[in-house]
Amino acid sequence: MTGTAFSVSDDRPRAVAVAFGALMTALAAGAAEGIGRAVRGGDEFGATAAGLLPRLAIYLAVAAVALYMVRGSRVARAVLSVGVGVVGLVSLIIEPLAVLLSTDDFAALFAGLAPSSAVLAGCRTVHIVAVSIAIPAMFTPGAHRWFTQQR
């Protein structure tokens, strides 16, 4: 698999490969959460499943941009930084943060936590952590130097 996005070339810094891996992990966690929400939707499965289509389109676009990034595209790195690192991260954090800020009893939030909710929370957590690893990795000194030397 020499020369593919999944192999690390001699000149590509490890941080860029780490960023790519973290982005793919974030996409997988997001997809798992979306599917979990659709399955958990019960009677509203059709409506919830239809909500997966825009998310799928976004994830495919992010995967495509990540492939350009891992090949050295500075524009792709910038798009991922803003799209995933700012807009995406805010969209992941805003809902749980609003729930936490709206309660006076934190114990009550977790007392009746269903197993399916715990799995969804785990997926969301993995997604947030993966994005929090990917974006800084793209801007380490070695990665930054490599990106600036690319076409």
Protein backbone atom coordinates (compact mmCIF):
# COMPACT_ATOMS: atom_id res chain seq x y z
CA MET A 1 0.00 0.00 0.00
CA THR A 2 2.86 2.36 -0.67
CA GLY A 3 1.76 5.87 -1.50
CA THR A 4 -1.75 5.58 -0.08
CA ALA A 5 -3.26 7.69 2.66
CA PHE A 6 -3.08 4.74 5.02
CA SER A 7 0.68 4.36 4.89
CA VAL A 8 3.13 6.85 6.27
CA SER A 9 5.69 7.93 3.71
CA ASP A 10 9.29 8.65 4.64
CA ASP A 11 8.81 12.42 4.52
CA ARG A 12 5.29 12.69 6.01
CA PRO A 13 5.51 13.49 9.73
CA ARG A 14 3.96 11.03 12.13
CA ALA A 15 1.74 13.83 13.48
CA VAL A 16 -0.02 14.04 10.10
CA ALA A 17 -0.71 10.30 10.18
CA VAL A 18 -1.95 10.67 13.76
CA ALA A 19 -4.26 13.51 12.67
CA PHE A 20 -5.63 11.39 9.84
CA GLY A 21 -6.18 8.40 12.13
CA ALA A 22 -7.89 10.57 14.71
CA LEU A 23 -10.16 12.06 12.03
CA MET A 24 -11.14 8.58 10.85
CA THR A 25 -11.79 7.58 14.48
CA ALA A 26 -13.99 10.66 14.92
CA LEU A 27 -15.93 9.77 11.78
CA ALA A 28 -16.42 6.19 12.96
CA ALA A 29 -17.59 7.35 16.39
CA GLY A 30 -19.98 9.86 14.81
CA ALA A 31 -21.38 7.22 12.47
CA ALA A 32 -21.83 4.80 15.38
CA GLU A 33 -23.64 7.47 17.37
CA GLY A 34 -25.90 8.32 14.45
CA ILE A 35 -26.78 4.70 13.83
CA GLY A 36 -27.34 4.18 17.55
CA ARG A 37 -29.72 7.12 17.67
CA ALA A 38 -31.59 5.82 14.62
CA VAL A 39 -31.94 2.34 16.10
CA ARG A 40 -33.01 3.74 19.45
CA GLY A 41 -35.62 5.91 17.69
CA GLY A 42 -38.24 3.14 17.95
CA ASP A 43 -41.45 4.16 16.20
CA GLU A 44 -39.74 7.14 14.61
CA PHE A 45 -37.01 5.03 12.98
CA GLY A 46 -37.82 6.27 9.46
CA ALA A 47 -37.58 9.92 10.43
CA THR A 48 -34.45 9.36 12.47
CA ALA A 49 -32.86 7.25 9.73
CA ALA A 50 -33.64 9.98 7.18
CA GLY A 51 -31.74 12.35 9.45
CA LEU A 52 -28.68 10.18 8.88
CA LEU A 53 -28.44 11.17 5.21
CA PRO A 54 -27.16 14.73 5.77
CA ARG A 55 -24.77 13.42 8.43
CA LEU A 56 -23.51 10.75 6.01
CA ALA A 57 -22.92 13.39 3.34
CA ILE A 58 -20.95 15.52 5.81
CA TYR A 59 -18.89 12.53 6.95
CA LEU A 60 -18.08 11.55 3.36
CA ALA A 61 -17.00 15.12 2.64
CA VAL A 62 -14.80 15.18 5.76
CA ALA A 63 -13.24 11.85 4.77
CA ALA A 64 -12.48 13.19 1.28
CA VAL A 65 -10.94 16.39 2.67
CA ALA A 66 -8.92 14.32 5.17
CA LEU A 67 -7.50 12.30 2.28
CA TYR A 68 -6.35 15.54 0.64
CA MET A 69 -4.92 16.73 3.95
CA VAL A 70 -2.86 13.57 4.50
CA ARG A 71 -1.39 14.06 1.02
CA GLY A 72 -0.17 17.53 1.96
CA SER A 73 -2.96 19.94 1.07
CA ARG A 74 -2.72 23.11 3.14
CA VAL A 75 -6.22 24.11 2.02
CA ALA A 76 -7.62 20.79 3.27
CA ARG A 77 -5.87 21.32 6.60
CA ALA A 78 -7.47 24.76 6.92
CA VAL A 79 -10.92 23.44 5.93
CA LEU A 80 -10.67 20.66 8.52
CA SER A 81 -9.48 23.09 11.17
CA VAL A 82 -12.47 25.36 10.73
CA GLY A 83 -15.09 22.79 9.75
CA VAL A 84 -14.23 20.00 12.16
CA GLY A 85 -12.15 21.85 14.74
CA VAL A 86 -14.53 24.76 15.27
CA VAL A 87 -18.00 24.17 13.80
CA GLY A 88 -18.02 20.41 14.33
CA LEU A 89 -16.59 20.54 17.84
CA VAL A 90 -19.07 23.22 18.92
CA SER A 91 -21.95 21.14 17.55
CA LEU A 92 -20.73 18.13 19.55
CA ILE A 93 -20.27 20.02 22.80
CA ILE A 94 -23.27 22.39 22.84
CA GLU A 95 -25.99 19.81 23.58
CA PRO A 96 -24.26 18.06 26.52
CA LEU A 97 -23.11 21.40 27.88
CA ALA A 98 -26.65 22.79 27.77
CA VAL A 99 -27.93 19.74 29.65
CA LEU A 100 -25.22 20.09 32.30
CA LEU A 101 -25.86 23.80 32.75
CA SER A 102 -29.63 23.32 33.01
CA THR A 103 -29.57 20.99 36.00
CA ASP A 104 -29.17 21.58 39.69
CA ASP A 105 -28.69 17.89 40.50
CA PHE A 106 -25.87 16.22 38.58
CA ALA A 107 -26.53 12.88 40.27
CA ALA A 108 -30.06 12.84 38.84
CA LEU A 109 -28.61 13.14 35.32
CA PHE A 110 -26.76 9.88 35.67
CA ALA A 111 -29.04 7.99 38.05
CA GLY A 112 -31.43 6.69 35.40
CA LEU A 113 -28.91 6.42 32.58
CA ALA A 114 -30.02 3.67 30.20
CA PRO A 115 -27.35 1.43 28.69
CA SER A 116 -28.15 2.77 25.21
CA SER A 117 -27.65 6.33 26.45
CA ALA A 118 -24.33 5.35 27.99
CA VAL A 119 -23.19 3.89 24.65
CA LEU A 120 -24.25 7.06 22.81
CA ALA A 121 -22.42 9.19 25.39
CA GLY A 122 -19.35 7.01 24.91
CA CYS A 123 -19.50 7.49 21.14
CA ARG A 124 -19.83 11.25 21.60
CA THR A 125 -16.89 11.28 24.01
CA VAL A 126 -14.67 9.31 21.61
CA HIS A 127 -15.71 11.69 18.81
CA ILE A 128 -14.77 14.78 20.85
CA VAL A 129 -11.47 13.32 22.04
CA ALA A 130 -10.52 12.22 18.51
CA VAL A 131 -11.17 15.71 17.09
CA SER A 132 -9.25 17.20 20.02
CA ILE A 133 -6.27 15.05 19.01
CA ALA A 134 -6.55 15.51 15.23
CA ILE A 135 -6.61 19.28 14.99
CA PRO A 136 -3.58 20.05 17.18
CA ALA A 137 -1.65 17.20 15.50
CA MET A 138 -2.00 18.97 12.16
CA PHE A 139 -0.25 22.02 13.62
CA THR A 140 2.72 20.49 15.40
CA PRO A 141 6.00 22.12 14.30
CA GLY A 142 7.00 19.15 12.12
CA ALA A 143 3.57 18.91 10.51
CA HIS A 144 3.42 22.65 9.94
CA ARG A 145 6.86 22.62 8.30
CA TRP A 146 5.81 19.67 6.09
CA PHE A 147 2.57 21.35 4.99
CA THR A 148 4.37 24.58 4.09
CA GLN A 149 6.85 22.62 1.93
CA GLN A 150 4.07 20.92 -0.06
CA ARG A 151 2.95 22.23 -3.45
